[in-house]
Amino acid sequence: MAKNPTMMICIILAGLALAAPARAEGPEAPVRPQALHALVAEGLEHNQELRSLAETAAGLRAAAPAAGSLADPVLGLGVIGLPVDTFDTRQEAMTQKQVSLSQKVPWFGTLGLSEKAALLKAVRADKQLQAKRLELARKIADAWYDLGLVARGLEVNAQLAAMVDQTLKVAETRYATGAGLQQDILSAQVRRSELEDERIGLAQRRRSLEDAINGLLNRERFTSVAPPALPDPALPALDPEALAARALRHNPLVAVRTVEIEMADVDVALAEKAYGPDMTFTVAYGQRDDDLLGRERADLASAQVTLSLPLWQATRQDSKLEAAKKAREAADRALEALKRSLPHRVDALAGEARDLARSWELNRDAILLQGSQRADASLAAYEVGKVEFDTMLNARLSLLRMQLRAETSLFALQRKLAELEEAVGSPLAAPAPAATASPTAAAAASAATASVPDLHTDIATR
């Protein structure tokens, strides 16, 4: 083959054109990615941890009426005054066969407070379930967008490999004609081996993420998960103050802390009620046999009330009340700490989301443009022999890696928005029409929890 530098450069340009970075507005992928809301809905429906929490909440709610009910009455059967010398029930007038019925009644108001405490436990379990739903939705979103980034990394890796293969062929051709160096061939082969090692690692990472998503969805068998396409770079309006206010209203953890304060108030009230005595009412009927001469004896009836005496008040009632008050203070401080920290977390997440959006814009408008210009300049310099083969190849490889770093910001932005929605406890914006919607994890989780009953209604009606 004749030495023709122009032809060699044309071959290089053709190979680089085949490996050009993919753009966000490029052709659609052959397999349409599964929508995130569908994955979240599947996870919310089948996740066993959520089912366990739901059953726990239902069980606590079902047990509440029992906490407000009287204890079962006690039926007593016995013989009173039986002489042990003859065991004859007719010998002594005091001998009687007795049946009794006893009912223990707590101090006034204790039963109502006990039932309210049980209902509040069910309310807390329900709010914890909602928080777990949001957490699961966020985890699914995290894994899904990570999967998208890894899939994009595999695409870029394939483009880089194609580029290196093409330049390797060119280097081999130039070396065969005496126009190139063996060092260029060896350098390209090393790069190709490095890319293959990177591809293996990315493939393992993709499988791990798919396994993680399958686990979150509680699937019985492994099912391949379609990764998302390149996310939309549009950033919703993020007003930290407005988002913080929404978080304080909708975050389930705030509701959990609020319910725990109500529970602590009830525990204090119950501890105060413990100073009052419990009462046991007993009625008895004694049947007597006729005496030894056949004379009839009247049956006997009796009734009594027994009261518990708080003789050990210092070690029982006082200690219990003090513990309940301390628990109330702890619950109040926990809520106050959450209310103070939550706005800061929301502000930090919103700031990180804005920074990621700006990072994408900077990469798109400046760094990628500069990288492209550098790659073109290095190729032109290589054409006239002013730069080495490695320099030209590194410039082209760096351009694709710049593209991937820029796209990393988009996937990280979506993960940050999902985390922000978990903190806020509701969607960041109203859902778009079905044809163009791209619902986030918290939106799907919020819809899934809309059917969970508010147990405060039960408390108010009891």
Protein backbone atom coordinates (compact mmCIF):
# COMPACT_ATOMS: atom_id res chain seq x y z
CA MET A 1 0.00 0.00 0.00
CA ALA A 2 1.35 3.40 -1.00
CA LYS A 3 2.23 5.95 1.58
CA ASN A 4 -0.60 8.48 1.55
CA PRO A 5 -0.92 10.62 4.72
CA THR A 6 -4.12 12.22 3.44
CA MET A 7 -5.77 8.84 3.02
CA MET A 8 -4.62 7.83 6.49
CA ILE A 9 -6.16 10.94 8.00
CA CYS A 10 -9.42 10.31 6.14
CA ILE A 11 -9.56 6.82 7.60
CA ILE A 12 -8.99 8.21 11.10
CA LEU A 13 -11.70 10.83 10.62
CA ALA A 14 -14.17 8.17 9.45
CA GLY A 15 -13.44 6.04 12.48
CA LEU A 16 -13.79 8.96 14.87
CA ALA A 17 -17.09 9.94 13.27
CA LEU A 18 -18.46 6.48 14.02
CA ALA A 19 -17.50 6.92 17.70
CA ALA A 20 -18.79 10.47 18.13
CA PRO A 21 -20.43 11.26 21.49
CA ALA A 22 -24.16 10.64 21.62
CA ARG A 23 -26.33 13.70 22.12
CA ALA A 24 -29.42 13.98 24.31
CA GLU A 25 -31.58 14.78 21.27
CA GLY A 26 -30.33 11.74 19.33
CA PRO A 27 -32.44 8.83 18.09
CA GLU A 28 -34.52 6.84 20.55
CA ALA A 29 -33.11 3.69 22.06
CA PRO A 30 -34.35 0.46 20.48
CA VAL A 31 -35.91 -0.65 23.79
CA ARG A 32 -38.02 1.93 25.57
CA PRO A 33 -37.00 2.17 29.28
CA GLN A 34 -39.55 1.07 31.86
CA ALA A 35 -41.10 4.11 33.55
CA LEU A 36 -39.92 4.82 37.07
CA HIS A 37 -43.45 5.12 38.40
CA ALA A 38 -44.17 1.55 37.26
CA LEU A 39 -41.12 0.25 39.15
CA VAL A 40 -42.12 2.19 42.26
CA ALA A 41 -45.71 0.95 42.06
CA GLU A 42 -44.47 -2.64 41.77
CA GLY A 43 -42.18 -2.16 44.75
CA LEU A 44 -44.91 -0.63 46.90
CA GLU A 45 -47.23 -3.49 46.07
CA HIS A 46 -44.87 -6.43 46.54
CA ASN A 47 -42.18 -5.35 49.01
CA GLN A 48 -42.40 -7.69 52.00
CA GLU A 49 -41.07 -5.18 54.53
CA LEU A 50 -43.89 -2.80 53.64
CA ARG A 51 -46.41 -5.62 53.91
CA SER A 52 -45.05 -6.50 57.33
CA LEU A 53 -45.37 -2.89 58.52
CA ALA A 54 -48.90 -2.67 57.11
CA GLU A 55 -49.91 -5.83 58.96
CA THR A 56 -48.33 -4.48 62.14
CA ALA A 57 -50.34 -1.25 61.87
CA ALA A 58 -53.53 -3.22 61.19
CA GLY A 59 -52.85 -5.47 64.17
CA LEU A 60 -52.30 -2.52 66.51
CA ARG A 61 -55.50 -0.92 65.32
CA ALA A 62 -57.44 -4.15 65.83
CA ALA A 63 -56.03 -4.50 69.35
CA ALA A 64 -57.05 -0.99 70.44
CA PRO A 65 -60.62 -1.85 71.58
CA ALA A 66 -59.22 -4.54 73.87
CA ALA A 67 -57.08 -1.96 75.64
CA GLY A 68 -60.19 0.06 76.47
CA SER A 69 -62.24 -2.89 77.70
CA LEU A 70 -62.73 -4.15 81.22
CA ALA A 71 -60.86 -7.26 82.26
CA ASP A 72 -62.81 -10.50 82.14
CA PRO A 73 -64.91 -11.07 85.26
CA VAL A 74 -63.78 -13.83 87.61
CA LEU A 75 -66.14 -16.65 88.50
CA GLY A 76 -65.51 -18.37 91.83
CA LEU A 77 -66.81 -21.73 93.06
CA GLY A 78 -66.11 -22.99 96.56
CA VAL A 79 -67.22 -24.39 99.89
CA ILE A 80 -67.09 -22.27 103.05
CA GLY A 81 -67.05 -23.50 106.64
CA LEU A 82 -66.86 -27.21 105.90
CA PRO A 83 -66.07 -29.26 109.07
CA VAL A 84 -63.00 -31.39 108.52
CA ASP A 85 -63.94 -34.07 111.01
CA THR A 86 -66.99 -35.31 109.11
CA PHE A 87 -67.02 -33.25 105.89
CA ASP A 88 -70.80 -33.17 106.33
CA THR A 89 -72.35 -30.01 104.84
CA ARG A 90 -75.36 -30.35 107.15
CA GLN A 91 -73.43 -30.38 110.42
CA GLU A 92 -72.58 -26.69 110.79
CA ALA A 93 -74.86 -23.78 110.11
CA MET A 94 -72.03 -21.72 108.61
CA THR A 95 -71.25 -24.33 105.96
CA GLN A 96 -72.27 -23.19 102.48
CA LYS A 97 -71.52 -23.91 98.86
CA GLN A 98 -70.70 -20.60 97.32
CA VAL A 99 -70.60 -19.14 93.82
CA SER A 100 -69.08 -15.67 93.37
CA LEU A 101 -68.50 -13.18 90.57
CA SER A 102 -65.78 -10.51 90.70
CA GLN A 103 -65.11 -7.59 88.33
CA LYS A 104 -62.01 -5.40 88.48
CA VAL A 105 -62.59 -1.77 87.46
CA PRO A 106 -59.65 0.63 86.96
CA TRP A 107 -59.82 4.17 88.24
CA PHE A 108 -62.15 6.51 86.37
CA GLY A 109 -60.87 7.47 82.90
CA THR A 110 -58.10 4.88 82.78
CA LEU A 111 -59.79 2.68 80.17
CA GLY A 112 -60.37 5.55 77.76
CA LEU A 113 -56.76 6.64 78.04
CA SER A 114 -55.54 3.08 77.53
CA GLU A 115 -57.54 2.74 74.33
CA LYS A 116 -56.29 6.10 73.09
CA ALA A 117 -52.70 5.02 73.77
CA ALA A 118 -53.26 1.83 71.75
CA LEU A 119 -54.79 3.79 68.87
CA LEU A 120 -51.89 6.21 68.87
CA LYS A 121 -49.49 3.29 68.50
CA ALA A 122 -51.43 2.29 65.40
CA VAL A 123 -51.25 5.87 64.09
CA ARG A 124 -47.49 5.91 64.63
CA ALA A 125 -47.10 2.59 62.81
CA ASP A 126 -49.15 3.98 59.93
CA LYS A 127 -46.94 7.08 59.67
CA GLN A 128 -43.82 4.93 59.86
CA LEU A 129 -45.25 2.87 57.00
CA GLN A 130 -45.66 6.03 54.92
CA ALA A 131 -42.06 7.01 55.66
CA LYS A 132 -40.88 3.54 54.58
CA ARG A 133 -42.87 3.88 51.35
CA LEU A 134 -41.08 7.12 50.55
CA GLU A 135 -37.75 5.57 51.49
CA LEU A 136 -38.38 2.57 49.23
CA ALA A 137 -39.38 4.85 46.35
CA ARG A 138 -36.18 6.85 46.80
CA LYS A 139 -34.05 3.70 46.91
CA ILE A 140 -35.64 2.44 43.70
CA ALA A 141 -35.03 5.80 42.03
CA ASP A 142 -31.41 5.84 43.21
CA ALA A 143 -30.72 2.36 41.86
CA TRP A 144 -32.58 3.06 38.60
CA TYR A 145 -30.69 6.25 37.82
CA ASP A 146 -27.42 4.58 38.81
CA LEU A 147 -28.34 1.85 36.35
CA GLY A 148 -28.90 4.49 33.69
CA LEU A 149 -25.49 6.00 34.34
CA VAL A 150 -23.80 2.59 34.19
CA ALA A 151 -25.65 1.77 30.96
CA ARG A 152 -24.48 5.08 29.52
CA GLY A 153 -20.96 4.24 30.68
CA LEU A 154 -21.15 0.96 28.76
CA GLU A 155 -22.26 2.85 25.64
CA VAL A 156 -19.37 5.28 25.94
CA ASN A 157 -17.02 2.39 26.60
CA ALA A 158 -18.20 0.75 23.38
CA GLN A 159 -17.67 4.02 21.50
CA LEU A 160 -14.19 4.37 22.95
CA ALA A 161 -13.39 0.77 22.05
CA ALA A 162 -14.58 1.35 18.49
CA MET A 163 -12.42 4.46 18.29
CA VAL A 164 -9.35 2.66 19.59
CA ASP A 165 -9.97 -0.28 17.24
CA GLN A 166 -10.19 2.07 14.29
CA THR A 167 -7.06 4.00 15.24
CA LEU A 168 -5.29 0.70 15.88
CA LYS A 169 -6.05 -0.38 12.32
CA VAL A 170 -4.79 2.95 11.05
CA ALA A 171 -1.62 2.64 13.15
CA GLU A 172 -1.03 -0.88 11.86
CA THR A 173 -1.53 0.29 8.28
CA ARG A 174 0.84 3.20 8.74
CA TYR A 175 3.40 0.94 10.35
CA ALA A 176 3.12 -1.56 7.50
CA THR A 177 3.80 1.21 4.99
CA GLY A 178 6.70 2.59 7.02
CA ALA A 179 4.89 5.81 7.88
CA GLY A 180 4.11 4.94 11.52
CA LEU A 181 5.78 3.62 14.63
CA GLN A 182 5.34 0.30 16.41
CA GLN A 183 5.00 2.31 19.62
CA ASP A 184 1.65 3.66 18.31
CA ILE A 185 0.35 0.13 17.86
CA LEU A 186 1.43 -0.93 21.32
CA SER A 187 -0.10 2.20 22.86
CA ALA A 188 -3.44 1.54 21.15
CA GLN A 189 -3.39 -2.11 22.27
CA VAL A 190 -2.81 -1.06 25.88
CA ARG A 191 -5.74 1.37 25.70
CA ARG A 192 -7.92 -1.35 24.22
CA SER A 193 -7.09 -3.73 27.09
CA GLU A 194 -7.84 -1.01 29.64
CA LEU A 195 -11.23 -0.38 28.02
CA GLU A 196 -12.05 -4.10 28.10
CA ASP A 197 -11.22 -4.24 31.81
CA GLU A 198 -13.43 -1.19 32.35
CA ARG A 199 -16.27 -2.84 30.39
CA ILE A 200 -16.12 -5.94 32.59
CA GLY A 201 -16.36 -3.80 35.73
CA LEU A 202 -19.29 -1.81 34.33
CA ALA A 203 -21.10 -5.00 33.32
CA GLN A 204 -20.68 -6.38 36.85
CA ARG A 205 -21.95 -3.10 38.29
CA ARG A 206 -24.98 -3.20 36.00
CA ARG A 207 -25.85 -6.73 37.10
CA SER A 208 -25.48 -5.72 40.76
CA LEU A 209 -27.83 -2.77 40.29
CA GLU A 210 -30.39 -4.93 38.51
CA ASP A 211 -30.17 -7.44 41.38
CA ALA A 212 -30.68 -4.59 43.86
CA ILE A 213 -33.76 -3.35 42.00
CA ASN A 214 -35.17 -6.88 41.77
CA GLY A 215 -34.64 -7.23 45.51
CA LEU A 216 -36.41 -3.94 46.24
CA LEU A 217 -39.30 -5.07 44.03
CA ASN A 218 -39.35 -8.48 45.76
CA ARG A 219 -39.27 -10.37 42.48
CA GLU A 220 -38.95 -14.14 42.77
CA ARG A 221 -36.65 -14.45 39.75
CA PHE A 222 -34.09 -12.16 38.22
CA THR A 223 -35.58 -9.94 35.53
CA SER A 224 -33.52 -7.56 33.44
CA VAL A 225 -34.38 -3.91 34.13
CA ALA A 226 -34.36 -1.42 31.27
CA PRO A 227 -32.26 1.62 32.23
CA PRO A 228 -33.58 5.16 31.86
CA ALA A 229 -32.70 7.32 28.91
CA LEU A 230 -30.67 10.47 29.42
CA PRO A 231 -32.66 12.49 32.00
CA ASP A 232 -34.29 15.79 31.20
CA PRO A 233 -31.93 18.59 32.30
CA ALA A 234 -34.88 20.86 33.21
CA LEU A 235 -34.82 21.79 36.90
CA PRO A 236 -38.12 22.46 38.71
CA ALA A 237 -38.49 25.63 40.72
CA LEU A 238 -36.81 25.06 44.08
CA ASP A 239 -37.77 27.59 46.73
CA PRO A 240 -36.05 26.36 49.91
CA GLU A 241 -38.44 28.20 52.23
CA ALA A 242 -41.54 26.90 50.48
CA LEU A 243 -40.11 23.37 50.33
CA ALA A 244 -39.17 23.50 54.01
CA ALA A 245 -42.70 24.57 54.92
CA ARG A 246 -44.09 21.67 52.87
CA ALA A 247 -41.67 19.27 54.51
CA LEU A 248 -42.86 20.30 57.97
CA ARG A 249 -46.44 19.63 56.85
CA HIS A 250 -46.01 16.45 54.81
CA ASN A 251 -42.89 14.62 55.97
CA PRO A 252 -44.12 11.43 57.69
CA LEU A 253 -41.30 11.57 60.24
CA VAL A 254 -42.71 14.88 61.52
CA ALA A 255 -46.06 13.14 61.92
CA VAL A 256 -44.35 10.26 63.74
CA ARG A 257 -42.70 12.65 66.20
CA THR A 258 -46.00 14.51 66.71
CA VAL A 259 -47.83 11.27 67.45
CA GLU A 260 -45.09 10.27 69.87
CA ILE A 261 -45.72 13.50 71.80
CA GLU A 262 -49.43 12.63 71.97
CA MET A 263 -48.51 9.16 73.18
CA ALA A 264 -46.27 10.66 75.86
CA ASP A 265 -49.12 12.95 76.98
CA VAL A 266 -51.38 9.93 77.35
CA ASP A 267 -48.68 8.08 79.31
CA VAL A 268 -48.42 11.05 81.69
CA ALA A 269 -52.20 11.04 82.15
CA LEU A 270 -52.16 7.29 82.80
CA ALA A 271 -49.36 7.72 85.34
CA GLU A 272 -51.46 10.32 87.15
CA LYS A 273 -54.45 7.99 87.09
CA ALA A 274 -52.30 5.32 88.75
CA TYR A 275 -52.57 7.26 92.04
CA GLY A 276 -56.27 6.38 92.13
CA PRO A 277 -57.14 2.93 93.46
CA ASP A 278 -58.36 0.11 91.28
CA MET A 279 -61.63 -1.34 92.52
CA THR A 280 -62.81 -4.93 92.53
CA PHE A 281 -66.55 -5.57 92.97
CA THR A 282 -67.55 -9.01 94.19
CA VAL A 283 -71.00 -10.57 94.69
CA ALA A 284 -71.47 -14.07 96.10
CA TYR A 285 -74.32 -16.48 96.73
CA GLY A 286 -73.97 -19.22 99.38
CA GLN A 287 -76.29 -22.24 99.39
CA ARG A 288 -76.77 -24.10 102.73
CA ASP A 289 -78.16 -27.61 103.24
CA ASP A 290 -80.83 -28.49 105.79
CA ASP A 291 -79.51 -29.35 109.25
CA LEU A 292 -79.24 -32.86 110.67
CA LEU A 293 -82.84 -32.65 112.00
CA GLY A 294 -84.15 -31.69 108.58
CA ARG A 295 -84.77 -28.04 109.39
CA GLU A 296 -84.37 -25.69 106.45
CA ARG A 297 -81.57 -23.17 106.47
CA ALA A 298 -81.70 -19.92 104.53
CA ASP A 299 -79.19 -19.32 101.76
CA LEU A 300 -76.78 -16.39 102.12
CA ALA A 301 -75.77 -13.52 99.78
CA SER A 302 -72.79 -11.21 100.13
CA ALA A 303 -71.15 -8.31 98.29
CA GLN A 304 -67.92 -6.39 98.75
CA VAL A 305 -65.65 -3.82 97.15
CA THR A 306 -61.87 -4.04 97.47
CA LEU A 307 -59.54 -1.12 96.73
CA SER A 308 -55.84 -1.11 95.94
CA LEU A 309 -53.82 1.09 98.30
CA PRO A 310 -50.86 3.11 96.95
CA LEU A 311 -48.64 2.34 99.94
CA TRP A 312 -45.48 2.19 97.81
CA GLN A 313 -46.17 5.49 96.07
CA ALA A 314 -42.58 6.70 96.23
CA THR A 315 -41.18 3.71 94.35
CA ARG A 316 -44.16 3.00 92.06
CA GLN A 317 -46.53 5.84 91.20
CA ASP A 318 -44.02 8.67 91.69
CA SER A 319 -41.34 6.91 89.69
CA LYS A 320 -43.77 6.04 86.91
CA LEU A 321 -45.02 9.62 86.67
CA GLU A 322 -41.49 11.03 86.62
CA ALA A 323 -40.48 8.60 83.87
CA ALA A 324 -43.55 9.55 81.82
CA LYS A 325 -42.76 13.26 82.15
CA LYS A 326 -39.16 12.69 81.07
CA ALA A 327 -40.36 10.69 78.08
CA ARG A 328 -42.68 13.58 77.22
CA GLU A 329 -39.78 16.02 77.32
CA ALA A 330 -37.68 13.70 75.16
CA ALA A 331 -40.46 13.41 72.57
CA ASP A 332 -40.85 17.17 72.48
CA ARG A 333 -37.12 17.69 71.99
CA ALA A 334 -37.02 15.05 69.24
CA LEU A 335 -39.76 16.87 67.32
CA GLU A 336 -38.07 20.22 67.83
CA ALA A 337 -34.74 18.80 66.62
CA LEU A 338 -36.41 17.40 63.50
CA LYS A 339 -38.21 20.68 62.80
CA ARG A 340 -34.92 22.54 63.04
CA SER A 341 -32.84 20.10 61.00
CA LEU A 342 -35.36 19.34 58.26
CA PRO A 343 -35.33 22.83 56.67
CA HIS A 344 -31.51 22.74 56.61
CA ARG A 345 -31.58 19.35 54.92
CA VAL A 346 -34.10 20.58 52.36
CA ASP A 347 -32.01 23.69 51.72
CA ALA A 348 -28.85 21.60 51.28
CA LEU A 349 -30.55 19.19 48.87
CA ALA A 350 -32.04 22.03 46.85
CA GLY A 351 -28.63 23.71 46.70
CA GLU A 352 -26.96 20.50 45.56
CA ALA A 353 -29.62 20.05 42.87
CA ARG A 354 -29.03 23.58 41.58
CA ASP A 355 -25.26 23.01 41.58
CA LEU A 356 -25.67 19.80 39.57
CA ALA A 357 -27.85 21.63 37.05
CA ARG A 358 -25.23 24.37 36.75
CA SER A 359 -22.50 21.73 36.39
CA TRP A 360 -24.39 20.22 33.46
CA GLU A 361 -24.79 23.63 31.84
CA LEU A 362 -21.10 24.42 32.33
CA ASN A 363 -20.03 21.10 30.82
CA ARG A 364 -22.45 21.44 27.94
CA ASP A 365 -21.71 25.08 27.08
CA ALA A 366 -18.00 25.35 27.83
CA ILE A 367 -16.05 22.24 28.76
CA LEU A 368 -17.43 19.98 26.02
CA LEU A 369 -16.97 22.70 23.42
CA GLN A 370 -13.40 23.28 24.53
CA GLY A 371 -12.73 19.55 24.59
CA SER A 372 -14.09 19.19 21.08
CA GLN A 373 -11.91 22.03 19.86
CA ARG A 374 -8.89 20.47 21.55
CA ALA A 375 -9.61 17.10 19.94
CA ASP A 376 -9.97 18.69 16.50
CA ALA A 377 -6.78 20.69 16.98
CA SER A 378 -4.80 17.64 18.08
CA LEU A 379 -6.06 15.71 15.08
CA ALA A 380 -5.01 18.52 12.74
CA ALA A 381 -1.61 18.73 14.43
CA TYR A 382 -1.17 14.96 14.15
CA GLU A 383 -1.95 15.21 10.46
CA VAL A 384 1.05 17.47 9.89
CA GLY A 385 3.25 15.59 12.34
CA LYS A 386 3.32 18.21 15.10
CA VAL A 387 1.92 15.95 17.86
CA GLU A 388 2.40 12.30 18.64
CA PHE A 389 -0.16 9.56 18.18
CA ASP A 390 -0.81 9.27 21.92
CA THR A 391 -1.61 12.96 22.21
CA MET A 392 -4.16 12.80 19.42
CA LEU A 393 -5.74 9.61 20.78
CA ASN A 394 -5.91 10.97 24.33
CA ALA A 395 -7.68 14.08 23.11
CA ARG A 396 -10.36 12.02 21.37
CA LEU A 397 -10.79 9.69 24.34
CA SER A 398 -10.99 12.62 26.74
CA LEU A 399 -13.81 14.16 24.71
CA LEU A 400 -16.03 11.13 25.19
CA ARG A 401 -15.16 10.92 28.86
CA MET A 402 -16.05 14.61 29.24
CA GLN A 403 -19.40 13.81 27.69
CA LEU A 404 -19.95 11.02 30.23
CA ARG A 405 -18.96 13.26 33.14
CA ALA A 406 -21.43 15.86 31.95
CA GLU A 407 -24.20 13.27 31.73
CA THR A 408 -23.26 12.04 35.21
CA SER A 409 -24.52 15.40 36.51
CA LEU A 410 -27.93 14.74 34.95
CA PHE A 411 -28.32 11.33 36.59
CA ALA A 412 -27.04 12.70 39.91
CA LEU A 413 -29.55 15.56 39.61
CA GLN A 414 -32.45 13.10 39.30
CA ARG A 415 -31.24 11.15 42.33
CA LYS A 416 -30.95 14.38 44.30
CA LEU A 417 -34.50 15.38 43.32
CA ALA A 418 -35.79 11.98 44.45
CA GLU A 419 -34.03 12.45 47.78
CA LEU A 420 -35.50 15.95 48.06
CA GLU A 421 -39.00 14.62 47.43
CA GLU A 422 -38.48 12.05 50.19
CA ALA A 423 -37.52 14.85 52.57
CA VAL A 424 -40.44 17.04 51.49
CA GLY A 425 -42.85 14.10 51.64
CA SER A 426 -44.72 15.12 48.47
CA PRO A 427 -44.00 15.71 44.76
CA LEU A 428 -41.94 18.80 43.97
CA ALA A 429 -44.33 19.83 41.21
CA ALA A 430 -47.71 18.85 39.83
CA PRO A 431 -47.50 15.74 37.60
CA ALA A 432 -47.28 16.35 33.87
CA PRO A 433 -49.76 14.90 31.31
CA ALA A 434 -49.51 11.16 30.83
CA ALA A 435 -47.96 11.43 27.36
CA THR A 436 -44.94 13.38 28.59
CA ALA A 437 -44.91 12.68 32.30
CA SER A 438 -41.73 11.54 34.00
CA PRO A 439 -43.03 10.97 37.56
CA THR A 440 -40.47 10.76 40.30
CA ALA A 441 -40.29 8.29 43.12
CA ALA A 442 -41.96 10.38 45.79
CA ALA A 443 -44.91 11.17 43.52
CA ALA A 444 -45.63 7.49 43.02
CA ALA A 445 -45.14 6.78 46.72
CA SER A 446 -47.48 9.63 47.66
CA ALA A 447 -50.17 8.24 45.38
CA ALA A 448 -49.72 4.77 46.80
CA THR A 449 -50.15 5.99 50.39
CA ALA A 450 -53.24 8.06 49.66
CA SER A 451 -55.50 5.11 50.46
CA VAL A 452 -54.03 4.53 53.94
CA PRO A 453 -56.68 5.58 56.52
CA ASP A 454 -55.92 8.32 59.02
CA LEU A 455 -56.31 6.66 62.40
CA HIS A 456 -56.69 10.02 64.16
CA THR A 457 -60.33 9.79 63.08
CA ASP A 458 -60.75 6.69 65.22
CA ILE A 459 -59.25 8.43 68.23
CA ALA A 460 -61.52 11.43 67.86
CA THR A 461 -64.64 9.27 67.74
CA ARG A 462 -63.85 7.13 70.78
